[in-house]
């Protein structure tokens, strides 16, 4: 017991210490939550990129993740806006079954005949890049497409554009498009 302090002062000091420790614990818990959320997003993106090539109707029955590869000159002007024409593609190195990927996507048919459609496979050098907001490195640009409304009146398709940074272990949303048809 410190001399010269009243019980009230000692209790107030102890309470202040407990509040400071609680704030530090909350801060550590928040950082852990954010890291877990980031790792979950990264895990979902990598898993999606590994199996997205299997989807017969991209985005129709669930989110489909893919890379983009330039299929036309990068700086093309449409309606006064500079756009790039790109195609969906996947990296064989991330595929859940690279050998099957090279054989092509299976088609569900009503016959006993197994039909396959070629899958657009790219190299890392061919895919579009974006700047990671955190570390400023050029990292793969990935997209995730999903039909979020399917009705007779209209359909809603959503596309998310992400910077996939393995150095920072983050998937950062860069843009979100919503199209109604």
C-alpha atoms as a PDB file:
ATOM      1  CA  UNK A   1       0.000   0.000   0.000  1.00  0.00           C
ATOM      2  CA  UNK A   2       1.384   3.366  -1.013  1.00  0.00           C
ATOM      3  CA  UNK A   3       1.477   5.886   1.763  1.00  0.00           C
ATOM      4  CA  UNK A   4      -0.458   9.077   1.407  1.00  0.00           C
ATOM      5  CA  UNK A   5      -3.110   7.591  -0.930  1.00  0.00           C
ATOM      6  CA  UNK A   6      -6.670   7.168   0.156  1.00  0.00           C
ATOM      7  CA  UNK A   7      -8.631   4.030  -0.527  1.00  0.00           C
ATOM      8  CA  UNK A   8     -10.582   5.906  -3.190  1.00  0.00           C
ATOM      9  CA  UNK A   9      -7.366   6.930  -5.005  1.00  0.00           C
ATOM     10  CA  UNK A  10      -5.971   3.377  -4.905  1.00  0.00           C
ATOM     11  CA  UNK A  11      -9.267   1.978  -6.227  1.00  0.00           C
ATOM     12  CA  UNK A  12      -9.352   4.573  -9.024  1.00  0.00           C
ATOM     13  CA  UNK A  13      -5.741   3.712 -10.013  1.00  0.00           C
ATOM     14  CA  UNK A  14      -6.537  -0.026 -10.020  1.00  0.00           C
ATOM     15  CA  UNK A  15      -9.653   0.582 -12.112  1.00  0.00           C
ATOM     16  CA  UNK A  16      -7.669   2.703 -14.593  1.00  0.00           C
ATOM     17  CA  UNK A  17      -5.117  -0.118 -14.916  1.00  0.00           C
ATOM     18  CA  UNK A  18      -7.854  -2.691 -15.543  1.00  0.00           C
ATOM     19  CA  UNK A  19      -9.467  -0.402 -18.167  1.00  0.00           C
ATOM     20  CA  UNK A  20      -6.102   0.039 -19.935  1.00  0.00           C
ATOM     21  CA  UNK A  21      -5.510  -3.732 -19.969  1.00  0.00           C
ATOM     22  CA  UNK A  22      -9.049  -4.317 -21.279  1.00  0.00           C
ATOM     23  CA  UNK A  23      -8.511  -1.756 -24.065  1.00  0.00           C
ATOM     24  CA  UNK A  24      -5.225  -3.441 -25.043  1.00  0.00           C
ATOM     25  CA  UNK A  25      -6.960  -6.831 -25.067  1.00  0.00           C
ATOM     26  CA  UNK A  26      -9.809  -5.458 -27.224  1.00  0.00           C
ATOM     27  CA  UNK A  27      -7.235  -4.055 -29.633  1.00  0.00           C
ATOM     28  CA  UNK A  28      -5.424  -7.416 -29.879  1.00  0.00           C
ATOM     29  CA  UNK A  29      -8.749  -9.226 -30.368  1.00  0.00           C
ATOM     30  CA  UNK A  30      -9.768  -6.798 -33.139  1.00  0.00           C
ATOM     31  CA  UNK A  31      -6.423  -7.307 -34.908  1.00  0.00           C
ATOM     32  CA  UNK A  32      -6.867 -11.087 -34.613  1.00  0.00           C
ATOM     33  CA  UNK A  33     -10.420 -10.826 -35.982  1.00  0.00           C
ATOM     34  CA  UNK A  34      -9.223  -8.754 -38.924  1.00  0.00           C
ATOM     35  CA  UNK A  35      -6.397 -11.198 -39.644  1.00  0.00           C
ATOM     36  CA  UNK A  36      -8.820 -14.122 -39.496  1.00  0.00           C
ATOM     37  CA  UNK A  37     -11.258 -12.338 -41.803  1.00  0.00           C
ATOM     38  CA  UNK A  38      -8.432 -11.527 -44.231  1.00  0.00           C
ATOM     39  CA  UNK A  39      -7.193 -15.131 -44.163  1.00  0.00           C
ATOM     40  CA  UNK A  40     -10.744 -16.391 -44.699  1.00  0.00           C
ATOM     41  CA  UNK A  41     -11.180 -14.091 -47.706  1.00  0.00           C
ATOM     42  CA  UNK A  42      -7.803 -15.155 -49.096  1.00  0.00           C
ATOM     43  CA  UNK A  43      -8.669 -18.795 -48.547  1.00  0.00           C
ATOM     44  CA  UNK A  44     -12.054 -18.387 -50.266  1.00  0.00           C
ATOM     45  CA  UNK A  45     -10.421 -16.618 -53.221  1.00  0.00           C
ATOM     46  CA  UNK A  46      -7.714 -19.258 -53.649  1.00  0.00           C
ATOM     47  CA  UNK A  47     -10.209 -22.115 -53.334  1.00  0.00           C
ATOM     48  CA  UNK A  48     -12.520 -20.393 -55.833  1.00  0.00           C
ATOM     49  CA  UNK A  49      -9.661 -19.825 -58.287  1.00  0.00           C
ATOM     50  CA  UNK A  50      -8.757 -23.495 -57.940  1.00  0.00           C
ATOM     51  CA  UNK A  51     -12.202 -24.816 -58.852  1.00  0.00           C
ATOM     52  CA  UNK A  52     -13.849 -21.964 -60.806  1.00  0.00           C
ATOM     53  CA  UNK A  53     -12.763 -23.494 -64.112  1.00  0.00           C
ATOM     54  CA  UNK A  54     -15.233 -26.359 -63.504  1.00  0.00           C
ATOM     55  CA  UNK A  55     -18.323 -24.102 -63.583  1.00  0.00           C
ATOM     56  CA  UNK A  56     -20.368 -24.728 -66.713  1.00  0.00           C
ATOM     57  CA  UNK A  57     -22.384 -21.542 -66.320  1.00  0.00           C
ATOM     58  CA  UNK A  58     -20.016 -19.024 -64.787  1.00  0.00           C
ATOM     59  CA  UNK A  59     -21.575 -17.342 -61.773  1.00  0.00           C
ATOM     60  CA  UNK A  60     -25.049 -18.799 -62.380  1.00  0.00           C
ATOM     61  CA  UNK A  61     -25.276 -21.185 -59.425  1.00  0.00           C
ATOM     62  CA  UNK A  62     -22.730 -19.634 -57.103  1.00  0.00           C
ATOM     63  CA  UNK A  63     -19.707 -17.334 -57.094  1.00  0.00           C
ATOM     64  CA  UNK A  64     -17.108 -18.071 -59.771  1.00  0.00           C
ATOM     65  CA  UNK A  65     -13.563 -16.790 -59.302  1.00  0.00           C
ATOM     66  CA  UNK A  66     -11.228 -16.246 -62.261  1.00  0.00           C
ATOM     67  CA  UNK A  67      -8.253 -14.310 -63.572  1.00  0.00           C
ATOM     68  CA  UNK A  68      -8.346 -12.011 -66.606  1.00  0.00           C
ATOM     69  CA  UNK A  69      -6.126 -12.227 -69.676  1.00  0.00           C
ATOM     70  CA  UNK A  70      -5.867  -9.462 -72.266  1.00  0.00           C
ATOM     71  CA  UNK A  71      -7.507 -10.544 -75.494  1.00  0.00           C
ATOM     72  CA  UNK A  72      -7.236  -7.218 -77.336  1.00  0.00           C
ATOM     73  CA  UNK A  73      -5.010  -4.160 -77.182  1.00  0.00           C
ATOM     74  CA  UNK A  74      -5.123  -2.758 -73.669  1.00  0.00           C
ATOM     75  CA  UNK A  75      -6.111   0.813 -74.483  1.00  0.00           C
ATOM     76  CA  UNK A  76      -9.192   0.559 -76.649  1.00  0.00           C
ATOM     77  CA  UNK A  77     -11.726   3.384 -76.590  1.00  0.00           C
ATOM     78  CA  UNK A  78     -15.454   2.657 -76.376  1.00  0.00           C
ATOM     79  CA  UNK A  79     -17.834   5.565 -75.989  1.00  0.00           C
ATOM     80  CA  UNK A  80     -15.014   7.850 -74.887  1.00  0.00           C
ATOM     81  CA  UNK A  81     -13.854   5.468 -72.153  1.00  0.00           C
ATOM     82  CA  UNK A  82     -10.610   3.541 -72.278  1.00  0.00           C
ATOM     83  CA  UNK A  83     -11.282  -0.122 -71.623  1.00  0.00           C
ATOM     84  CA  UNK A  84      -9.429  -3.384 -72.016  1.00  0.00           C
ATOM     85  CA  UNK A  85     -11.002  -6.407 -73.576  1.00  0.00           C
ATOM     86  CA  UNK A  86     -10.202  -9.381 -71.415  1.00  0.00           C
ATOM     87  CA  UNK A  87     -11.192 -12.990 -71.192  1.00  0.00           C
ATOM     88  CA  UNK A  88     -11.694 -15.203 -68.178  1.00  0.00           C
ATOM     89  CA  UNK A  89      -8.854 -17.601 -67.556  1.00  0.00           C
ATOM     90  CA  UNK A  90      -7.394 -19.794 -64.869  1.00  0.00           C
ATOM     91  CA  UNK A  91      -3.895 -20.848 -63.816  1.00  0.00           C
ATOM     92  CA  UNK A  92      -3.228 -24.584 -63.991  1.00  0.00           C
ATOM     93  CA  UNK A  93      -0.919 -24.233 -60.964  1.00  0.00           C
ATOM     94  CA  UNK A  94      -3.916 -23.307 -58.782  1.00  0.00           C
ATOM     95  CA  UNK A  95      -6.376 -25.833 -60.223  1.00  0.00           C
ATOM     96  CA  UNK A  96      -7.791 -28.483 -57.936  1.00  0.00           C
ATOM     97  CA  UNK A  97      -7.021 -31.023 -60.720  1.00  0.00           C
ATOM     98  CA  UNK A  98      -4.565 -29.539 -63.262  1.00  0.00           C
ATOM     99  CA  UNK A  99      -4.558 -32.649 -65.460  1.00  0.00           C
ATOM    100  CA  UNK A 100      -8.338 -32.693 -65.793  1.00  0.00           C
ATOM    101  CA  UNK A 101      -8.278 -28.934 -66.388  1.00  0.00           C
ATOM    102  CA  UNK A 102      -5.981 -29.454 -69.370  1.00  0.00           C
ATOM    103  CA  UNK A 103      -8.434 -32.044 -70.752  1.00  0.00           C
ATOM    104  CA  UNK A 104     -11.271 -29.537 -70.536  1.00  0.00           C
ATOM    105  CA  UNK A 105     -14.420 -28.812 -68.569  1.00  0.00           C
ATOM    106  CA  UNK A 106     -16.967 -31.631 -68.451  1.00  0.00           C
ATOM    107  CA  UNK A 107     -20.369 -30.908 -69.898  1.00  0.00           C
ATOM    108  CA  UNK A 108     -23.557 -32.342 -68.472  1.00  0.00           C
ATOM    109  CA  UNK A 109     -25.309 -33.945 -71.389  1.00  0.00           C
ATOM    110  CA  UNK A 110     -28.223 -36.293 -71.745  1.00  0.00           C
ATOM    111  CA  UNK A 111     -26.135 -38.817 -73.640  1.00  0.00           C
ATOM    112  CA  UNK A 112     -23.657 -41.303 -72.248  1.00  0.00           C
ATOM    113  CA  UNK A 113     -20.928 -39.598 -74.244  1.00  0.00           C
ATOM    114  CA  UNK A 114     -18.478 -37.548 -72.144  1.00  0.00           C
ATOM    115  CA  UNK A 115     -18.092 -34.137 -73.706  1.00  0.00           C
ATOM    116  CA  UNK A 116     -15.462 -31.589 -72.762  1.00  0.00           C
ATOM    117  CA  UNK A 117     -15.026 -27.912 -73.522  1.00  0.00           C
ATOM    118  CA  UNK A 118     -11.559 -26.319 -73.541  1.00  0.00           C
ATOM    119  CA  UNK A 119     -10.657 -24.224 -70.512  1.00  0.00           C
ATOM    120  CA  UNK A 120      -8.807 -20.924 -70.980  1.00  0.00           C
ATOM    121  CA  UNK A 121      -5.496 -21.588 -69.237  1.00  0.00           C
ATOM    122  CA  UNK A 122      -3.052 -18.714 -68.793  1.00  0.00           C
ATOM    123  CA  UNK A 123       0.437 -18.235 -67.460  1.00  0.00           C
ATOM    124  CA  UNK A 124       1.145 -15.880 -64.580  1.00  0.00           C
ATOM    125  CA  UNK A 125       2.766 -13.415 -66.994  1.00  0.00           C
ATOM    126  CA  UNK A 126      -0.388 -13.232 -69.155  1.00  0.00           C
ATOM    127  CA  UNK A 127      -2.872 -12.292 -66.470  1.00  0.00           C
ATOM    128  CA  UNK A 128      -3.872  -8.722 -65.711  1.00  0.00           C
ATOM    129  CA  UNK A 129      -2.264  -7.042 -62.730  1.00  0.00           C
ATOM    130  CA  UNK A 130      -3.431  -4.399 -60.271  1.00  0.00           C
ATOM    131  CA  UNK A 131      -1.691  -2.421 -57.568  1.00  0.00           C
ATOM    132  CA  UNK A 132      -2.005  -3.786 -54.047  1.00  0.00           C
ATOM    133  CA  UNK A 133      -3.372  -0.901 -51.950  1.00  0.00           C
ATOM    134  CA  UNK A 134      -1.260  -1.967 -48.966  1.00  0.00           C
ATOM    135  CA  UNK A 135       2.222  -2.669 -50.364  1.00  0.00           C
ATOM    136  CA  UNK A 136       1.861  -1.031 -53.834  1.00  0.00           C
ATOM    137  CA  UNK A 137       3.193  -4.162 -55.612  1.00  0.00           C
ATOM    138  CA  UNK A 138       1.737  -5.283 -58.941  1.00  0.00           C
ATOM    139  CA  UNK A 139      -0.392  -8.314 -58.064  1.00  0.00           C
ATOM    140  CA  UNK A 140      -2.930 -10.463 -59.919  1.00  0.00           C
ATOM    141  CA  UNK A 141      -6.299  -8.877 -60.646  1.00  0.00           C
ATOM    142  CA  UNK A 142      -9.024 -11.424 -59.978  1.00  0.00           C
ATOM    143  CA  UNK A 143     -12.766 -11.245 -60.416  1.00  0.00           C
ATOM    144  CA  UNK A 144     -15.659 -13.012 -58.823  1.00  0.00           C
ATOM    145  CA  UNK A 145     -18.984 -13.145 -60.669  1.00  0.00           C
ATOM    146  CA  UNK A 146     -22.309 -14.263 -59.229  1.00  0.00           C
ATOM    147  CA  UNK A 147     -25.915 -14.077 -60.347  1.00  0.00           C
ATOM    148  CA  UNK A 148     -27.661 -12.819 -57.230  1.00  0.00           C
ATOM    149  CA  UNK A 149     -31.197 -12.601 -58.658  1.00  0.00           C
ATOM    150  CA  UNK A 150     -32.801 -14.927 -61.173  1.00  0.00           C
ATOM    151  CA  UNK A 151     -36.379 -14.124 -62.082  1.00  0.00           C
ATOM    152  CA  UNK A 152     -38.733 -13.783 -65.037  1.00  0.00           C
ATOM    153  CA  UNK A 153     -38.723 -10.005 -64.582  1.00  0.00           C
ATOM    154  CA  UNK A 154     -34.969  -9.438 -64.513  1.00  0.00           C
ATOM    155  CA  UNK A 155     -31.671 -10.937 -63.439  1.00  0.00           C
ATOM    156  CA  UNK A 156     -28.964  -9.322 -61.331  1.00  0.00           C
ATOM    157  CA  UNK A 157     -25.325 -10.174 -61.949  1.00  0.00           C
ATOM    158  CA  UNK A 158     -22.637  -8.877 -59.619  1.00  0.00           C
ATOM    159  CA  UNK A 159     -18.923  -8.730 -60.360  1.00  0.00           C
ATOM    160  CA  UNK A 160     -16.278  -7.955 -57.776  1.00  0.00           C
ATOM    161  CA  UNK A 161     -12.750  -6.938 -58.806  1.00  0.00           C
ATOM    162  CA  UNK A 162      -9.974  -7.748 -56.328  1.00  0.00           C
ATOM    163  CA  UNK A 163      -6.225  -7.299 -55.923  1.00  0.00           C
ATOM    164  CA  UNK A 164      -4.882 -10.684 -54.777  1.00  0.00           C
ATOM    165  CA  UNK A 165      -1.675 -10.043 -52.798  1.00  0.00           C
ATOM    166  CA  UNK A 166       0.049 -13.117 -51.440  1.00  0.00           C
ATOM    167  CA  UNK A 167       2.795 -10.961 -49.908  1.00  0.00           C
ATOM    168  CA  UNK A 168       0.288  -9.098 -47.704  1.00  0.00           C
ATOM    169  CA  UNK A 169      -2.006 -12.153 -47.571  1.00  0.00           C
ATOM    170  CA  UNK A 170      -4.978 -10.009 -48.560  1.00  0.00           C
ATOM    171  CA  UNK A 171      -7.766  -9.897 -51.088  1.00  0.00           C
ATOM    172  CA  UNK A 172      -8.698  -6.237 -51.467  1.00  0.00           C
ATOM    173  CA  UNK A 173     -11.897  -5.211 -53.229  1.00  0.00           C
ATOM    174  CA  UNK A 174     -11.157  -2.630 -55.901  1.00  0.00           C
ATOM    175  CA  UNK A 175     -14.526  -2.346 -57.625  1.00  0.00           C
ATOM    176  CA  UNK A 176     -18.037  -3.815 -57.478  1.00  0.00           C
ATOM    177  CA  UNK A 177     -20.323  -3.802 -60.518  1.00  0.00           C
ATOM    178  CA  UNK A 178     -24.047  -4.625 -60.498  1.00  0.00           C
ATOM    179  CA  UNK A 179     -25.794  -5.306 -63.800  1.00  0.00           C
ATOM    180  CA  UNK A 180     -29.518  -5.874 -64.259  1.00  0.00           C
ATOM    181  CA  UNK A 181     -30.850  -7.568 -67.386  1.00  0.00           C
END
